[in-house]
N, C-alpha and C. Protein backbone atom coordinates (compact mmCIF):
# COMPACT_ATOMS: atom_id res chain seq x y z
N UNK A 1 141.13 94.77 123.69
CA UNK A 1 140.20 93.66 123.84
C UNK A 1 139.16 94.03 124.90
N UNK A 2 137.89 93.80 124.54
CA UNK A 2 136.81 94.17 125.47
C UNK A 2 136.69 93.13 126.58
N UNK A 3 136.51 93.58 127.82
CA UNK A 3 136.30 92.59 128.90
C UNK A 3 134.91 91.96 128.76
N UNK A 4 134.83 90.75 129.25
CA UNK A 4 133.54 90.04 129.20
C UNK A 4 132.70 90.45 130.40
N UNK A 5 131.54 90.96 130.14
CA UNK A 5 130.61 91.30 131.20
C UNK A 5 129.50 90.27 131.23
N UNK A 6 129.17 89.82 132.42
CA UNK A 6 128.06 88.88 132.54
C UNK A 6 126.78 89.58 132.10
N UNK A 7 125.95 88.92 131.31
CA UNK A 7 124.74 89.60 130.82
C UNK A 7 123.83 90.03 131.96
N UNK A 8 123.27 91.17 131.79
CA UNK A 8 122.34 91.69 132.78
C UNK A 8 121.08 90.83 132.79
N UNK A 9 120.70 90.37 133.97
CA UNK A 9 119.49 89.55 134.08
C UNK A 9 118.27 90.46 134.05
N UNK A 10 117.45 90.24 133.07
CA UNK A 10 116.22 91.01 132.96
C UNK A 10 115.15 90.32 133.80
N UNK A 11 114.63 90.96 134.83
CA UNK A 11 113.62 90.29 135.66
C UNK A 11 112.33 90.00 134.89
N UNK A 12 112.09 90.74 133.81
CA UNK A 12 110.88 90.49 133.04
C UNK A 12 111.08 89.45 131.94
N UNK A 13 112.28 88.91 131.83
CA UNK A 13 112.53 87.97 130.73
C UNK A 13 111.69 86.71 130.87
N UNK A 14 111.40 86.31 132.11
CA UNK A 14 110.56 85.13 132.29
C UNK A 14 109.15 85.38 131.78
N UNK A 15 108.69 86.61 131.89
CA UNK A 15 107.37 86.92 131.36
C UNK A 15 107.34 86.82 129.84
N UNK A 16 108.48 87.00 129.21
CA UNK A 16 108.54 86.91 127.76
C UNK A 16 108.75 85.47 127.28
N UNK A 17 109.55 84.71 128.01
CA UNK A 17 109.93 83.39 127.51
C UNK A 17 108.93 82.31 127.91
N UNK A 18 108.30 82.42 129.08
CA UNK A 18 107.43 81.34 129.53
C UNK A 18 106.21 81.14 128.65
N UNK A 19 105.52 82.17 128.19
CA UNK A 19 104.39 81.90 127.29
C UNK A 19 104.80 81.19 126.01
N UNK A 20 105.97 81.54 125.51
CA UNK A 20 106.45 80.87 124.30
C UNK A 20 106.75 79.40 124.57
N UNK A 21 107.43 79.12 125.67
CA UNK A 21 107.72 77.73 126.01
C UNK A 21 106.43 76.95 126.28
N UNK A 22 105.49 77.58 126.96
CA UNK A 22 104.24 76.92 127.27
C UNK A 22 103.46 76.60 126.00
N UNK A 23 103.41 77.55 125.06
CA UNK A 23 102.67 77.31 123.82
C UNK A 23 103.34 76.24 122.98
N UNK A 24 104.66 76.21 122.95
CA UNK A 24 105.33 75.16 122.19
C UNK A 24 105.09 73.79 122.83
N UNK A 25 105.05 73.74 124.15
CA UNK A 25 104.78 72.48 124.85
C UNK A 25 103.35 72.00 124.57
N UNK A 26 102.39 72.92 124.65
CA UNK A 26 101.00 72.56 124.38
C UNK A 26 100.83 72.12 122.93
N UNK A 27 101.49 72.82 122.01
CA UNK A 27 101.41 72.44 120.60
C UNK A 27 102.00 71.06 120.37
N UNK A 28 103.11 70.77 121.03
CA UNK A 28 103.74 69.46 120.87
C UNK A 28 102.80 68.36 121.37
N UNK A 29 102.19 68.57 122.53
CA UNK A 29 101.25 67.58 123.06
C UNK A 29 100.07 67.42 122.11
N UNK A 30 99.56 68.52 121.59
CA UNK A 30 98.42 68.47 120.68
C UNK A 30 98.76 67.65 119.44
N UNK A 31 99.91 67.92 118.83
CA UNK A 31 100.26 67.20 117.60
C UNK A 31 100.57 65.74 117.87
N UNK A 32 101.17 65.43 119.01
CA UNK A 32 101.38 64.02 119.36
C UNK A 32 100.05 63.30 119.52
N UNK A 33 99.10 63.95 120.18
CA UNK A 33 97.80 63.32 120.37
C UNK A 33 97.06 63.16 119.05
N UNK A 34 97.15 64.16 118.17
CA UNK A 34 96.49 64.03 116.87
C UNK A 34 97.13 62.93 116.04
N UNK A 35 98.43 62.78 116.13
CA UNK A 35 99.12 61.71 115.41
C UNK A 35 98.69 60.34 115.95
N UNK A 36 98.62 60.22 117.28
CA UNK A 36 98.18 58.97 117.89
C UNK A 36 96.75 58.64 117.50
N UNK A 37 95.90 59.66 117.49
CA UNK A 37 94.51 59.45 117.10
C UNK A 37 94.40 59.04 115.64
N UNK A 38 95.22 59.64 114.78
CA UNK A 38 95.21 59.27 113.37
C UNK A 38 95.64 57.81 113.20
N UNK A 39 96.70 57.40 113.91
CA UNK A 39 97.14 56.00 113.80
C UNK A 39 96.08 55.04 114.31
N UNK A 40 95.42 55.40 115.40
CA UNK A 40 94.38 54.54 115.94
C UNK A 40 93.20 54.44 114.99
N UNK A 41 92.81 55.55 114.40
CA UNK A 41 91.70 55.55 113.44
C UNK A 41 92.07 54.73 112.21
N UNK A 42 93.29 54.89 111.74
CA UNK A 42 93.75 54.13 110.58
C UNK A 42 93.75 52.62 110.88
N UNK A 43 94.21 52.26 112.07
CA UNK A 43 94.24 50.85 112.45
C UNK A 43 92.84 50.27 112.52
N UNK A 44 91.91 51.02 113.13
CA UNK A 44 90.53 50.54 113.24
C UNK A 44 89.88 50.41 111.87
N UNK A 45 90.14 51.37 110.99
CA UNK A 45 89.54 51.29 109.65
C UNK A 45 90.11 50.11 108.87
N UNK A 46 91.41 49.85 109.01
CA UNK A 46 92.00 48.70 108.32
C UNK A 46 91.48 47.39 108.90
N UNK A 47 91.31 47.33 110.22
CA UNK A 47 90.76 46.12 110.83
C UNK A 47 89.34 45.86 110.36
N UNK A 48 88.53 46.91 110.31
CA UNK A 48 87.15 46.72 109.87
C UNK A 48 87.09 46.39 108.38
N UNK A 49 88.01 46.93 107.60
CA UNK A 49 88.03 46.63 106.17
C UNK A 49 88.37 45.16 105.95
N UNK A 50 89.39 44.67 106.66
CA UNK A 50 89.81 43.29 106.43
C UNK A 50 88.88 42.28 107.07
N UNK A 51 88.09 42.68 108.05
CA UNK A 51 87.13 41.73 108.62
C UNK A 51 85.85 41.69 107.81
N UNK A 52 85.51 42.74 107.07
CA UNK A 52 84.28 42.73 106.29
C UNK A 52 84.49 42.21 104.88
N UNK A 53 85.74 42.17 104.41
CA UNK A 53 85.98 41.65 103.07
C UNK A 53 85.82 40.13 103.07
N UNK A 54 85.15 39.59 102.05
CA UNK A 54 85.05 38.14 101.99
C UNK A 54 86.41 37.52 101.64
N UNK A 55 86.57 36.28 102.04
CA UNK A 55 87.82 35.60 101.75
C UNK A 55 87.92 35.35 100.25
N UNK A 56 89.10 35.46 99.68
CA UNK A 56 89.23 35.21 98.24
C UNK A 56 88.96 33.75 97.93
N UNK A 57 88.37 33.50 96.76
CA UNK A 57 88.08 32.09 96.42
C UNK A 57 89.37 31.31 96.19
N UNK A 58 89.35 30.08 96.66
CA UNK A 58 90.53 29.23 96.50
C UNK A 58 90.51 28.63 95.10
N UNK A 59 91.63 28.64 94.44
CA UNK A 59 91.66 28.04 93.10
C UNK A 59 91.49 26.52 93.18
N UNK A 60 90.58 26.03 92.36
CA UNK A 60 90.34 24.58 92.37
C UNK A 60 91.14 23.96 91.22
N UNK A 61 92.18 23.33 91.56
CA UNK A 61 93.02 22.68 90.56
C UNK A 61 93.28 21.24 90.96
N UNK A 62 93.79 20.49 90.04
CA UNK A 62 94.04 19.09 90.37
C UNK A 62 95.40 18.88 90.97
């Protein structure tokens, strides 16, 4: 049975992992903001659509 050796800490590993983590973080923020902007634009367009549409005629019955 092989003994367990603690993994060797690579001092340059942070140089490899941090750009990846940073880019994923920036991408996440970007997509969240684009999603929020899309929802806001959709809400404004629906509000303007329903405020500019005339009211439907009321049926005149006895």
